Amino acid sequence: MFEGLFQPTHLLVLFGIALLVFGGKKIPELGKGIGEGIRGFKSAIQGEEKPPATDADIGGSSNIV
């Protein structure tokens, strides 16, 4: 069904349509936003794999009054 969807010619046509719709100045901004979103998603996933910080790890004392 999607065998020939990602051929170079099709990708060039899609890029041309996106350039017409969004304009030349918006394309880099959209790419930057998508990249920041992906980086944020990856860091959130990696943050879940780390064990939670304890009071000793962050320099706090366990004798809180």
PDB file of N, CA and C in Angstrom:
ATOM      1  N   MET A   1       0.813  -1.198   0.000  1.00  0.00           N
ATOM      2  CA  MET A   1       0.000   0.000   0.000  1.00  0.00           C
ATOM      3  C   MET A   1       0.860   1.267   0.000  1.00  0.00           C
ATOM      4  N   PHE A   2       1.890   1.289   0.850  1.00  0.00           N
ATOM      5  CA  PHE A   2       2.764   2.462   0.940  1.00  0.00           C
ATOM      6  C   PHE A   2       4.143   2.177   0.341  1.00  0.00           C
ATOM      7  N   GLU A   3       4.208   1.329  -0.653  1.00  0.00           N
ATOM      8  CA  GLU A   3       5.488   0.891  -1.199  1.00  0.00           C
ATOM      9  C   GLU A   3       6.298   2.029  -1.801  1.00  0.00           C
ATOM     10  N   GLY A   4       5.692   2.872  -2.599  1.00  0.00           N
ATOM     11  CA  GLY A   4       6.434   3.906  -3.299  1.00  0.00           C
ATOM     12  C   GLY A   4       6.231   5.292  -2.718  1.00  0.00           C
ATOM     13  N   LEU A   5       5.821   5.369  -1.467  1.00  0.00           N
ATOM     14  CA  LEU A   5       5.462   6.655  -0.875  1.00  0.00           C
ATOM     15  C   LEU A   5       6.676   7.558  -0.642  1.00  0.00           C
ATOM     16  N   PHE A   6       7.791   6.984  -0.240  1.00  0.00           N
ATOM     17  CA  PHE A   6       8.946   7.804   0.134  1.00  0.00           C
ATOM     18  C   PHE A   6      10.032   7.799  -0.934  1.00  0.00           C
ATOM     19  N   GLN A   7       9.651   7.866  -2.168  1.00  0.00           N
ATOM     20  CA  GLN A   7      10.621   7.993  -3.241  1.00  0.00           C
ATOM     21  C   GLN A   7      11.117   9.434  -3.274  1.00  0.00           C
ATOM     22  N   PRO A   8      12.341   9.668  -3.744  1.00  0.00           N
ATOM     23  CA  PRO A   8      12.899  11.025  -3.758  1.00  0.00           C
ATOM     24  C   PRO A   8      12.028  12.049  -4.489  1.00  0.00           C
ATOM     25  N   THR A   9      11.414  11.642  -5.585  1.00  0.00           N
ATOM     26  CA  THR A   9      10.565  12.572  -6.337  1.00  0.00           C
ATOM     27  C   THR A   9       9.358  13.000  -5.506  1.00  0.00           C
ATOM     28  N   HIS A  10       8.755  12.061  -4.802  1.00  0.00           N
ATOM     29  CA  HIS A  10       7.604  12.384  -3.962  1.00  0.00           C
ATOM     30  C   HIS A  10       7.999  13.322  -2.823  1.00  0.00           C
ATOM     31  N   LEU A  11       9.165  13.064  -2.234  1.00  0.00           N
ATOM     32  CA  LEU A  11       9.619  13.920  -1.136  1.00  0.00           C
ATOM     33  C   LEU A  11       9.896  15.342  -1.622  1.00  0.00           C
ATOM     34  N   LEU A  12      10.451  15.486  -2.830  1.00  0.00           N
ATOM     35  CA  LEU A  12      10.687  16.820  -3.387  1.00  0.00           C
ATOM     36  C   LEU A  12       9.379  17.563  -3.639  1.00  0.00           C
ATOM     37  N   VAL A  13       8.372  16.851  -4.127  1.00  0.00           N
ATOM     38  CA  VAL A  13       7.068  17.464  -4.363  1.00  0.00           C
ATOM     39  C   VAL A  13       6.455  17.908  -3.032  1.00  0.00           C
ATOM     40  N   LEU A  14       6.522  17.054  -2.012  1.00  0.00           N
ATOM     41  CA  LEU A  14       5.993  17.421  -0.698  1.00  0.00           C
ATOM     42  C   LEU A  14       6.718  18.625  -0.112  1.00  0.00           C
ATOM     43  N   PHE A  15       8.038  18.677  -0.272  1.00  0.00           N
ATOM     44  CA  PHE A  15       8.806  19.822   0.210  1.00  0.00           C
ATOM     45  C   PHE A  15       8.422  21.093  -0.540  1.00  0.00           C
ATOM     46  N   GLY A  16       8.207  20.982  -1.830  1.00  0.00           N
ATOM     47  CA  GLY A  16       7.779  22.141  -2.618  1.00  0.00           C
ATOM     48  C   GLY A  16       6.418  22.661  -2.186  1.00  0.00           C
ATOM     49  N   ILE A  17       5.493  21.750  -1.908  1.00  0.00           N
ATOM     50  CA  ILE A  17       4.171  22.165  -1.439  1.00  0.00           C
ATOM     51  C   ILE A  17       4.279  22.832  -0.070  1.00  0.00           C
ATOM     52  N   ALA A  18       5.097  22.267   0.815  1.00  0.00           N
ATOM     53  CA  ALA A  18       5.289  22.868   2.133  1.00  0.00           C
ATOM     54  C   ALA A  18       5.912  24.252   2.008  1.00  0.00           C
ATOM     55  N   LEU A  19       6.831  24.422   1.075  1.00  0.00           N
ATOM     56  CA  LEU A  19       7.453  25.726   0.854  1.00  0.00           C
ATOM     57  C   LEU A  19       6.423  26.740   0.368  1.00  0.00           C
ATOM     58  N   LEU A  20       5.520  26.326  -0.481  1.00  0.00           N
ATOM     59  CA  LEU A  20       4.474  27.225  -0.968  1.00  0.00           C
ATOM     60  C   LEU A  20       3.484  27.585   0.144  1.00  0.00           C
ATOM     61  N   VAL A  21       3.138  26.617   0.969  1.00  0.00           N
ATOM     62  CA  VAL A  21       2.135  26.842   2.015  1.00  0.00           C
ATOM     63  C   VAL A  21       2.701  27.694   3.150  1.00  0.00           C
ATOM     64  N   PHE A  22       3.883  27.335   3.651  1.00  0.00           N
ATOM     65  CA  PHE A  22       4.424  27.994   4.833  1.00  0.00           C
ATOM     66  C   PHE A  22       5.351  29.160   4.516  1.00  0.00           C
ATOM     67  N   GLY A  23       5.957  29.166   3.356  1.00  0.00           N
ATOM     68  CA  GLY A  23       6.894  30.220   3.007  1.00  0.00           C
ATOM     69  C   GLY A  23       8.308  29.865   3.440  1.00  0.00           C
ATOM     70  N   GLY A  24       9.263  30.563   2.875  1.00  0.00           N
ATOM     71  CA  GLY A  24      10.670  30.263   3.128  1.00  0.00           C
ATOM     72  C   GLY A  24      11.137  30.555   4.536  1.00  0.00           C
ATOM     73  N   LYS A  25      10.526  31.525   5.202  1.00  0.00           N
ATOM     74  CA  LYS A  25      10.988  31.886   6.543  1.00  0.00           C
ATOM     75  C   LYS A  25      10.416  30.974   7.618  1.00  0.00           C
ATOM     76  N   LYS A  26       9.269  30.376   7.374  1.00  0.00           N
ATOM     77  CA  LYS A  26       8.630  29.535   8.389  1.00  0.00           C
ATOM     78  C   LYS A  26       9.212  28.129   8.446  1.00  0.00           C
ATOM     79  N   ILE A  27       9.758  27.635   7.355  1.00  0.00           N
ATOM     80  CA  ILE A  27      10.263  26.262   7.306  1.00  0.00           C
ATOM     81  C   ILE A  27      11.371  26.036   8.346  1.00  0.00           C
ATOM     82  N   PRO A  28      12.404  26.888   8.452  1.00  0.00           N
ATOM     83  CA  PRO A  28      13.424  26.659   9.492  1.00  0.00           C
ATOM     84  C   PRO A  28      12.852  26.744  10.908  1.00  0.00           C
ATOM     85  N   GLU A  29      11.890  27.637  11.122  1.00  0.00           N
ATOM     86  CA  GLU A  29      11.283  27.747  12.441  1.00  0.00           C
ATOM     87  C   GLU A  29      10.509  26.481  12.791  1.00  0.00           C
ATOM     88  N   LEU A  30       9.803  25.911  11.821  1.00  0.00           N
ATOM     89  CA  LEU A  30       9.086  24.663  12.053  1.00  0.00           C
ATOM     90  C   LEU A  30      10.053  23.522  12.345  1.00  0.00           C
ATOM     91  N   GLY A  31      11.146  23.457  11.608  1.00  0.00           N
ATOM     92  CA  GLY A  31      12.157  22.427  11.842  1.00  0.00           C
ATOM     93  C   GLY A  31      12.782  22.559  13.218  1.00  0.00           C
ATOM     94  N   LYS A  32      13.050  23.793  13.630  1.00  0.00           N
ATOM     95  CA  LYS A  32      13.633  24.027  14.951  1.00  0.00           C
ATOM     96  C   LYS A  32      12.661  23.593  16.045  1.00  0.00           C
ATOM     97  N   GLY A  33      11.396  23.925  15.888  1.00  0.00           N
ATOM     98  CA  GLY A  33      10.391  23.538  16.879  1.00  0.00           C
ATOM     99  C   GLY A  33      10.236  22.032  16.981  1.00  0.00           C
ATOM    100  N   ILE A  34      10.246  21.363  15.846  1.00  0.00           N
ATOM    101  CA  ILE A  34      10.130  19.904  15.851  1.00  0.00           C
ATOM    102  C   ILE A  34      11.359  19.282  16.501  1.00  0.00           C
ATOM    103  N   GLY A  35      12.551  19.804  16.199  1.00  0.00           N
ATOM    104  CA  GLY A  35      13.779  19.287  16.802  1.00  0.00           C
ATOM    105  C   GLY A  35      13.802  19.468  18.309  1.00  0.00           C
ATOM    106  N   GLU A  36      13.366  20.637  18.787  1.00  0.00           N
ATOM    107  CA  GLU A  36      13.323  20.869  20.230  1.00  0.00           C
ATOM    108  C   GLU A  36      12.318  19.941  20.901  1.00  0.00           C
ATOM    109  N   GLY A  37      11.216  19.690  20.242  1.00  0.00           N
ATOM    110  CA  GLY A  37      10.221  18.776  20.788  1.00  0.00           C
ATOM    111  C   GLY A  37      10.747  17.356  20.909  1.00  0.00           C
ATOM    112  N   ILE A  38      11.467  16.913  19.893  1.00  0.00           N
ATOM    113  CA  ILE A  38      12.034  15.564  19.919  1.00  0.00           C
ATOM    114  C   ILE A  38      13.094  15.462  21.013  1.00  0.00           C
ATOM    115  N   ARG A  39      13.955  16.493  21.141  1.00  0.00           N
ATOM    116  CA  ARG A  39      14.973  16.469  22.194  1.00  0.00           C
ATOM    117  C   ARG A  39      14.336  16.460  23.574  1.00  0.00           C
ATOM    118  N   GLY A  40      13.291  17.245  23.769  1.00  0.00           N
ATOM    119  CA  GLY A  40      12.598  17.263  25.048  1.00  0.00           C
ATOM    120  C   GLY A  40      11.961  15.918  25.366  1.00  0.00           C
ATOM    121  N   PHE A  41      11.389  15.285  24.362  1.00  0.00           N
ATOM    122  CA  PHE A  41      10.780  13.971  24.544  1.00  0.00           C
ATOM    123  C   PHE A  41      11.836  12.943  24.934  1.00  0.00           C
ATOM    124  N   LYS A  42      12.988  12.956  24.247  1.00  0.00           N
ATOM    125  CA  LYS A  42      14.049  12.007  24.559  1.00  0.00           C
ATOM    126  C   LYS A  42      14.592  12.221  25.970  1.00  0.00           C
ATOM    127  N   SER A  43      14.775  13.471  26.359  1.00  0.00           N
ATOM    128  CA  SER A  43      15.290  13.737  27.705  1.00  0.00           C
ATOM    129  C   SER A  43      14.279  13.346  28.772  1.00  0.00           C
ATOM    130  N   ALA A  44      12.988  13.480  28.491  1.00  0.00           N
ATOM    131  CA  ALA A  44      11.968  13.057  29.449  1.00  0.00           C
ATOM    132  C   ALA A  44      11.962  11.542  29.596  1.00  0.00           C
ATOM    133  N   ILE A  45      12.155  10.833  28.502  1.00  0.00           N
ATOM    134  CA  ILE A  45      12.196   9.371  28.570  1.00  0.00           C
ATOM    135  C   ILE A  45      13.439   8.918  29.323  1.00  0.00           C
ATOM    136  N   GLN A  46      14.580   9.537  29.050  1.00  0.00           N
ATOM    137  CA  GLN A  46      15.811   9.150  29.732  1.00  0.00           C
ATOM    138  C   GLN A  46      15.760   9.524  31.206  1.00  0.00           C
ATOM    139  N   GLY A  47      15.058  10.584  31.540  1.00  0.00           N
ATOM    140  CA  GLY A  47      14.937  11.001  32.931  1.00  0.00           C
ATOM    141  C   GLY A  47      14.140  10.004  33.748  1.00  0.00           C
ATOM    142  N   GLU A  48      13.179   9.312  33.139  1.00  0.00           N
ATOM    143  CA  GLU A  48      12.391   8.317  33.853  1.00  0.00           C
ATOM    144  C   GLU A  48      13.207   7.084  34.170  1.00  0.00           C
ATOM    145  N   GLU A  49      14.213   6.779  33.364  1.00  0.00           N
ATOM    146  CA  GLU A  49      15.016   5.588  33.579  1.00  0.00           C
ATOM    147  C   GLU A  49      15.983   5.755  34.741  1.00  0.00           C
ATOM    148  N   LYS A  50      16.343   6.985  35.086  1.00  0.00           N
ATOM    149  CA  LYS A  50      17.259   7.233  36.190  1.00  0.00           C
ATOM    150  C   LYS A  50      16.505   7.098  37.511  1.00  0.00           C
ATOM    151  N   PRO A  51      17.182   6.607  38.558  1.00  0.00           N
ATOM    152  CA  PRO A  51      16.506   6.510  39.851  1.00  0.00           C
ATOM    153  C   PRO A  51      16.247   7.902  40.422  1.00  0.00           C
ATOM    154  N   PRO A  52      15.176   8.073  41.187  1.00  0.00           N
ATOM    155  CA  PRO A  52      14.879   9.387  41.760  1.00  0.00           C
ATOM    156  C   PRO A  52      15.948   9.815  42.758  1.00  0.00           C
ATOM    157  N   ALA A  53      16.192  11.116  42.820  1.00  0.00           N
ATOM    158  CA  ALA A  53      17.206  11.657  43.722  1.00  0.00           C
ATOM    159  C   ALA A  53      16.713  11.580  45.158  1.00  0.00           C
ATOM    160  N   THR A  54      17.631  11.267  46.067  1.00  0.00           N
ATOM    161  CA  THR A  54      17.300  11.236  47.489  1.00  0.00           C
ATOM    162  C   THR A  54      17.806  12.503  48.143  1.00  0.00           C
ATOM    163  N   ASP A  55      17.494  12.706  49.422  1.00  0.00           N
ATOM    164  CA  ASP A  55      17.962  13.886  50.141  1.00  0.00           C
ATOM    165  C   ASP A  55      19.485  13.935  50.203  1.00  0.00           C
ATOM    166  N   ALA A  56      20.120  12.767  50.345  1.00  0.00           N
ATOM    167  CA  ALA A  56      21.576  12.729  50.415  1.00  0.00           C
ATOM    168  C   ALA A  56      22.198  13.137  49.080  1.00  0.00           C
ATOM    169  N   ASP A  57      21.533  12.802  47.982  1.00  0.00           N
ATOM    170  CA  ASP A  57      22.050  13.149  46.659  1.00  0.00           C
ATOM    171  C   ASP A  57      22.025  14.649  46.398  1.00  0.00           C
ATOM    172  N   ILE A  58      21.034  15.342  46.912  1.00  0.00           N
ATOM    173  CA  ILE A  58      20.913  16.767  46.632  1.00  0.00           C
ATOM    174  C   ILE A  58      21.436  17.642  47.765  1.00  0.00           C
ATOM    175  N   GLY A  59      22.005  17.028  48.796  1.00  0.00           N
ATOM    176  CA  GLY A  59      22.644  17.805  49.861  1.00  0.00           C
ATOM    177  C   GLY A  59      21.713  18.203  50.971  1.00  0.00           C
ATOM    178  N   GLY A  60      20.512  17.699  50.998  1.00  0.00           N
ATOM    179  CA  GLY A  60      19.567  18.010  52.054  1.00  0.00           C
ATOM    180  C   GLY A  60      19.809  17.140  53.282  1.00  0.00           C
ATOM    181  N   SER A  61      19.238  17.521  54.386  1.00  0.00           N
ATOM    182  CA  SER A  61      19.384  16.710  55.578  1.00  0.00           C
ATOM    183  C   SER A  61      18.089  15.958  55.826  1.00  0.00           C
ATOM    184  N   SER A  62      18.204  14.797  56.428  1.00  0.00           N
ATOM    185  CA  SER A  62      17.019  14.006  56.718  1.00  0.00           C
ATOM    186  C   SER A  62      16.382  14.381  58.048  1.00  0.00           C
ATOM    187  N   ASN A  63      16.999  15.309  58.802  1.00  0.00           N
ATOM    188  CA  ASN A  63      16.483  15.744  60.085  1.00  0.00           C
ATOM    189  C   ASN A  63      15.769  17.080  59.914  1.00  0.00           C
ATOM    190  N   ILE A  64      14.682  17.071  59.211  1.00  0.00           N
ATOM    191  CA  ILE A  64      13.925  18.290  58.983  1.00  0.00           C
ATOM    192  C   ILE A  64      12.965  18.484  60.144  1.00  0.00           C
ATOM    193  N   VAL A  65      13.003  19.674  60.756  1.00  0.00           N
ATOM    194  CA  VAL A  65      12.155  19.946  61.924  1.00  0.00           C
ATOM    195  C   VAL A  65      10.941  20.743  61.510  1.00  0.00           C
TER     196      VAL A  65
END
